Amino acid sequence: MEITEEKLELVATKSFAEYEEMYKVIDFLNKNLKEKRVMLGLKKDKEKKRLYINIYEF
């Protein structure tokens, strides 16, 4: 099953101050939560210097 073929449902969003290695945390969680049908996304707002984590179910 490919995630791109599934519909993603946004469950939650949280913003916080930039953390340079947050992508490593997101990668770790995605690899370990895939079987639970949960995926996390990370977005960076360079102007506000904030990170946004989105949690999806698929």
PDB file of N, CA and C in Angstrom:
ATOM      1  N   MET A   1       0.843  -1.180   0.000  1.00  0.00           N
ATOM      2  CA  MET A   1       0.000   0.000   0.000  1.00  0.00           C
ATOM      3  C   MET A   1       0.885   1.239   0.000  1.00  0.00           C
ATOM      4  N   GLU A   2       0.605   2.144  -0.903  1.00  0.00           N
ATOM      5  CA  GLU A   2       1.335   3.402  -0.945  1.00  0.00           C
ATOM      6  C   GLU A   2       0.498   4.486  -0.295  1.00  0.00           C
ATOM      7  N   ILE A   3       1.138   5.277   0.553  1.00  0.00           N
ATOM      8  CA  ILE A   3       0.442   6.343   1.262  1.00  0.00           C
ATOM      9  C   ILE A   3      -0.129   7.357   0.283  1.00  0.00           C
ATOM     10  N   THR A   4       0.546   7.600  -0.820  1.00  0.00           N
ATOM     11  CA  THR A   4       0.082   8.603  -1.772  1.00  0.00           C
ATOM     12  C   THR A   4      -1.265   8.240  -2.381  1.00  0.00           C
ATOM     13  N   GLU A   5      -1.632   6.955  -2.371  1.00  0.00           N
ATOM     14  CA  GLU A   5      -2.908   6.527  -2.918  1.00  0.00           C
ATOM     15  C   GLU A   5      -4.034   6.623  -1.900  1.00  0.00           C
ATOM     16  N   GLU A   6      -3.707   6.795  -0.637  1.00  0.00           N
ATOM     17  CA  GLU A   6      -4.686   6.869   0.434  1.00  0.00           C
ATOM     18  C   GLU A   6      -5.086   8.319   0.684  1.00  0.00           C
ATOM     19  N   LYS A   7      -6.283   8.490   1.205  1.00  0.00           N
ATOM     20  CA  LYS A   7      -6.731   9.814   1.599  1.00  0.00           C
ATOM     21  C   LYS A   7      -6.217  10.098   3.010  1.00  0.00           C
ATOM     22  N   LEU A   8      -5.573  11.238   3.174  1.00  0.00           N
ATOM     23  CA  LEU A   8      -5.057  11.616   4.483  1.00  0.00           C
ATOM     24  C   LEU A   8      -6.074  12.493   5.190  1.00  0.00           C
ATOM     25  N   GLU A   9      -6.326  12.195   6.455  1.00  0.00           N
ATOM     26  CA  GLU A   9      -7.235  12.990   7.263  1.00  0.00           C
ATOM     27  C   GLU A   9      -6.421  13.706   8.337  1.00  0.00           C
ATOM     28  N   LEU A  10      -6.477  15.033   8.326  1.00  0.00           N
ATOM     29  CA  LEU A  10      -5.744  15.822   9.312  1.00  0.00           C
ATOM     30  C   LEU A  10      -6.382  15.629  10.677  1.00  0.00           C
ATOM     31  N   VAL A  11      -5.572  15.236  11.660  1.00  0.00           N
ATOM     32  CA  VAL A  11      -6.046  14.986  13.016  1.00  0.00           C
ATOM     33  C   VAL A  11      -5.709  16.161  13.934  1.00  0.00           C
ATOM     34  N   ALA A  12      -4.487  16.696  13.795  1.00  0.00           N
ATOM     35  CA  ALA A  12      -4.058  17.774  14.689  1.00  0.00           C
ATOM     36  C   ALA A  12      -2.903  18.549  14.080  1.00  0.00           C
ATOM     37  N   THR A  13      -2.756  19.797  14.509  1.00  0.00           N
ATOM     38  CA  THR A  13      -1.644  20.657  14.098  1.00  0.00           C
ATOM     39  C   THR A  13      -1.123  21.380  15.329  1.00  0.00           C
ATOM     40  N   LYS A  14       0.193  21.500  15.414  1.00  0.00           N
ATOM     41  CA  LYS A  14       0.824  22.205  16.527  1.00  0.00           C
ATOM     42  C   LYS A  14       2.011  22.993  15.998  1.00  0.00           C
ATOM     43  N   SER A  15       2.163  24.238  16.450  1.00  0.00           N
ATOM     44  CA  SER A  15       3.324  25.040  16.048  1.00  0.00           C
ATOM     45  C   SER A  15       4.217  25.279  17.258  1.00  0.00           C
ATOM     46  N   PHE A  16       5.498  25.488  16.976  1.00  0.00           N
ATOM     47  CA  PHE A  16       6.465  25.753  18.039  1.00  0.00           C
ATOM     48  C   PHE A  16       7.709  26.383  17.446  1.00  0.00           C
ATOM     49  N   ALA A  17       8.596  26.853  18.296  1.00  0.00           N
ATOM     50  CA  ALA A  17       9.843  27.485  17.854  1.00  0.00           C
ATOM     51  C   ALA A  17      10.691  26.494  17.056  1.00  0.00           C
ATOM     52  N   GLU A  18      11.483  27.026  16.148  1.00  0.00           N
ATOM     53  CA  GLU A  18      12.340  26.178  15.313  1.00  0.00           C
ATOM     54  C   GLU A  18      13.244  25.280  16.155  1.00  0.00           C
ATOM     55  N   TYR A  19      13.414  24.080  15.665  1.00  0.00           N
ATOM     56  CA  TYR A  19      14.332  23.107  16.246  1.00  0.00           C
ATOM     57  C   TYR A  19      15.007  22.428  15.066  1.00  0.00           C
ATOM     58  N   GLU A  20      16.295  22.652  14.940  1.00  0.00           N
ATOM     59  CA  GLU A  20      17.041  22.263  13.741  1.00  0.00           C
ATOM     60  C   GLU A  20      16.930  20.786  13.378  1.00  0.00           C
ATOM     61  N   GLU A  21      16.839  19.904  14.350  1.00  0.00           N
ATOM     62  CA  GLU A  21      16.831  18.471  14.051  1.00  0.00           C
ATOM     63  C   GLU A  21      15.454  17.829  14.190  1.00  0.00           C
ATOM     64  N   MET A  22      14.401  18.630  14.179  1.00  0.00           N
ATOM     65  CA  MET A  22      13.059  18.072  14.319  1.00  0.00           C
ATOM     66  C   MET A  22      12.724  17.093  13.195  1.00  0.00           C
ATOM     67  N   TYR A  23      13.279  17.307  12.007  1.00  0.00           N
ATOM     68  CA  TYR A  23      12.999  16.385  10.900  1.00  0.00           C
ATOM     69  C   TYR A  23      13.415  14.961  11.256  1.00  0.00           C
ATOM     70  N   LYS A  24      14.441  14.791  12.090  1.00  0.00           N
ATOM     71  CA  LYS A  24      14.877  13.459  12.515  1.00  0.00           C
ATOM     72  C   LYS A  24      13.819  12.812  13.411  1.00  0.00           C
ATOM     73  N   VAL A  25      13.203  13.605  14.262  1.00  0.00           N
ATOM     74  CA  VAL A  25      12.138  13.102  15.136  1.00  0.00           C
ATOM     75  C   VAL A  25      10.938  12.670  14.291  1.00  0.00           C
ATOM     76  N   ILE A  26      10.551  13.514  13.326  1.00  0.00           N
ATOM     77  CA  ILE A  26       9.419  13.212  12.463  1.00  0.00           C
ATOM     78  C   ILE A  26       9.685  11.950  11.648  1.00  0.00           C
ATOM     79  N   ASP A  27      10.885  11.814  11.114  1.00  0.00           N
ATOM     80  CA  ASP A  27      11.261  10.628  10.337  1.00  0.00           C
ATOM     81  C   ASP A  27      11.170   9.368  11.198  1.00  0.00           C
ATOM     82  N   PHE A  28      11.703   9.435  12.411  1.00  0.00           N
ATOM     83  CA  PHE A  28      11.650   8.305  13.346  1.00  0.00           C
ATOM     84  C   PHE A  28      10.204   7.906  13.640  1.00  0.00           C
ATOM     85  N   LEU A  29       9.368   8.895  13.959  1.00  0.00           N
ATOM     86  CA  LEU A  29       7.963   8.603  14.270  1.00  0.00           C
ATOM     87  C   LEU A  29       7.225   8.032  13.069  1.00  0.00           C
ATOM     88  N   ASN A  30       7.453   8.582  11.890  1.00  0.00           N
ATOM     89  CA  ASN A  30       6.778   8.066  10.694  1.00  0.00           C
ATOM     90  C   ASN A  30       7.145   6.615  10.418  1.00  0.00           C
ATOM     91  N   LYS A  31       8.405   6.272  10.574  1.00  0.00           N
ATOM     92  CA  LYS A  31       8.836   4.895  10.338  1.00  0.00           C
ATOM     93  C   LYS A  31       8.194   3.932  11.324  1.00  0.00           C
ATOM     94  N   ASN A  32       7.987   4.379  12.555  1.00  0.00           N
ATOM     95  CA  ASN A  32       7.469   3.492  13.589  1.00  0.00           C
ATOM     96  C   ASN A  32       5.950   3.532  13.744  1.00  0.00           C
ATOM     97  N   LEU A  33       5.296   4.515  13.184  1.00  0.00           N
ATOM     98  CA  LEU A  33       3.840   4.617  13.308  1.00  0.00           C
ATOM     99  C   LEU A  33       3.100   4.242  12.023  1.00  0.00           C
ATOM    100  N   LYS A  34       3.828   3.904  10.981  1.00  0.00           N
ATOM    101  CA  LYS A  34       3.204   3.572   9.701  1.00  0.00           C
ATOM    102  C   LYS A  34       2.173   2.450   9.839  1.00  0.00           C
ATOM    103  N   GLU A  35       2.503   1.423  10.599  1.00  0.00           N
ATOM    104  CA  GLU A  35       1.580   0.303  10.793  1.00  0.00           C
ATOM    105  C   GLU A  35       0.332   0.710  11.563  1.00  0.00           C
ATOM    106  N   LYS A  36       0.390   1.805  12.294  1.00  0.00           N
ATOM    107  CA  LYS A  36      -0.765   2.323  13.043  1.00  0.00           C
ATOM    108  C   LYS A  36      -1.616   3.248  12.175  1.00  0.00           C
ATOM    109  N   ARG A  37      -1.201   3.412  10.895  1.00  0.00           N
ATOM    110  CA  ARG A  37      -1.903   4.266   9.928  1.00  0.00           C
ATOM    111  C   ARG A  37      -1.898   5.730  10.359  1.00  0.00           C
ATOM    112  N   VAL A  38      -0.763   6.152  10.891  1.00  0.00           N
ATOM    113  CA  VAL A  38      -0.558   7.541  11.308  1.00  0.00           C
ATOM    114  C   VAL A  38       0.682   8.065  10.604  1.00  0.00           C
ATOM    115  N   MET A  39       0.622   9.312  10.148  1.00  0.00           N
ATOM    116  CA  MET A  39       1.752   9.937   9.487  1.00  0.00           C
ATOM    117  C   MET A  39       1.864  11.379   9.976  1.00  0.00           C
ATOM    118  N   LEU A  40       3.092  11.851  10.142  1.00  0.00           N
ATOM    119  CA  LEU A  40       3.333  13.220  10.564  1.00  0.00           C
ATOM    120  C   LEU A  40       3.971  14.011   9.441  1.00  0.00           C
ATOM    121  N   GLY A  41       3.621  15.274   9.374  1.00  0.00           N
ATOM    122  CA  GLY A  41       4.211  16.180   8.405  1.00  0.00           C
ATOM    123  C   GLY A  41       4.855  17.344   9.147  1.00  0.00           C
ATOM    124  N   LEU A  42       5.876  17.916   8.557  1.00  0.00           N
ATOM    125  CA  LEU A  42       6.590  19.033   9.167  1.00  0.00           C
ATOM    126  C   LEU A  42       6.680  20.162   8.158  1.00  0.00           C
ATOM    127  N   LYS A  43       6.297  21.352   8.591  1.00  0.00           N
ATOM    128  CA  LYS A  43       6.352  22.533   7.735  1.00  0.00           C
ATOM    129  C   LYS A  43       7.092  23.633   8.479  1.00  0.00           C
ATOM    130  N   LYS A  44       7.947  24.341   7.745  1.00  0.00           N
ATOM    131  CA  LYS A  44       8.739  25.406   8.345  1.00  0.00           C
ATOM    132  C   LYS A  44       8.294  26.754   7.793  1.00  0.00           C
ATOM    133  N   ASP A  45       8.030  27.700   8.691  1.00  0.00           N
ATOM    134  CA  ASP A  45       7.706  29.068   8.316  1.00  0.00           C
ATOM    135  C   ASP A  45       8.949  29.906   8.611  1.00  0.00           C
ATOM    136  N   LYS A  46       9.723  30.191   7.573  1.00  0.00           N
ATOM    137  CA  LYS A  46      10.993  30.898   7.745  1.00  0.00           C
ATOM    138  C   LYS A  46      10.811  32.319   8.242  1.00  0.00           C
ATOM    139  N   GLU A  47       9.733  32.985   7.825  1.00  0.00           N
ATOM    140  CA  GLU A  47       9.505  34.364   8.247  1.00  0.00           C
ATOM    141  C   GLU A  47       9.213  34.456   9.741  1.00  0.00           C
ATOM    142  N   LYS A  48       8.403  33.544  10.237  1.00  0.00           N
ATOM    143  CA  LYS A  48       8.028  33.560  11.653  1.00  0.00           C
ATOM    144  C   LYS A  48       8.966  32.737  12.528  1.00  0.00           C
ATOM    145  N   LYS A  49       9.876  31.994  11.859  1.00  0.00           N
ATOM    146  CA  LYS A  49      10.805  31.100  12.559  1.00  0.00           C
ATOM    147  C   LYS A  49      10.051  30.122  13.449  1.00  0.00           C
ATOM    148  N   ARG A  50       9.027  29.469  12.845  1.00  0.00           N
ATOM    149  CA  ARG A  50       8.192  28.497  13.541  1.00  0.00           C
ATOM    150  C   ARG A  50       8.146  27.206  12.736  1.00  0.00           C
ATOM    151  N   LEU A  51       7.934  26.122  13.437  1.00  0.00           N
ATOM    152  CA  LEU A  51       7.708  24.823  12.815  1.00  0.00           C
ATOM    153  C   LEU A  51       6.276  24.407  13.102  1.00  0.00           C
ATOM    154  N   TYR A  52       5.687  23.677  12.165  1.00  0.00           N
ATOM    155  CA  TYR A  52       4.327  23.171  12.319  1.00  0.00           C
ATOM    156  C   TYR A  52       4.349  21.665  12.098  1.00  0.00           C
ATOM    157  N   ILE A  53       3.819  20.932  13.049  1.00  0.00           N
ATOM    158  CA  ILE A  53       3.673  19.490  12.906  1.00  0.00           C
ATOM    159  C   ILE A  53       2.207  19.204  12.635  1.00  0.00           C
ATOM    160  N   ASN A  54       1.952  18.437  11.598  1.00  0.00           N
ATOM    161  CA  ASN A  54       0.605  17.983  11.274  1.00  0.00           C
ATOM    162  C   ASN A  54       0.572  16.470  11.492  1.00  0.00           C
ATOM    163  N   ILE A  55      -0.510  15.985  12.102  1.00  0.00           N
ATOM    164  CA  ILE A  55      -0.712  14.563  12.298  1.00  0.00           C
ATOM    165  C   ILE A  55      -1.872  14.128  11.417  1.00  0.00           C
ATOM    166  N   TYR A  56      -1.640  13.082  10.648  1.00  0.00           N
ATOM    167  CA  TYR A  56      -2.640  12.565   9.725  1.00  0.00           C
ATOM    168  C   TYR A  56      -2.932  11.097  10.010  1.00  0.00           C
ATOM    169  N   GLU A  57      -4.164  10.686   9.738  1.00  0.00           N
ATOM    170  CA  GLU A  57      -4.526   9.274   9.699  1.00  0.00           C
ATOM    171  C   GLU A  57      -4.781   8.926   8.242  1.00  0.00           C
ATOM    172  N   PHE A  58      -4.457   7.709   7.848  1.00  0.00           N
ATOM    173  CA  PHE A  58      -4.717   7.278   6.471  1.00  0.00           C
ATOM    174  C   PHE A  58      -5.271   5.865   6.461  1.00  0.00           C
TER     175      PHE A  58
END
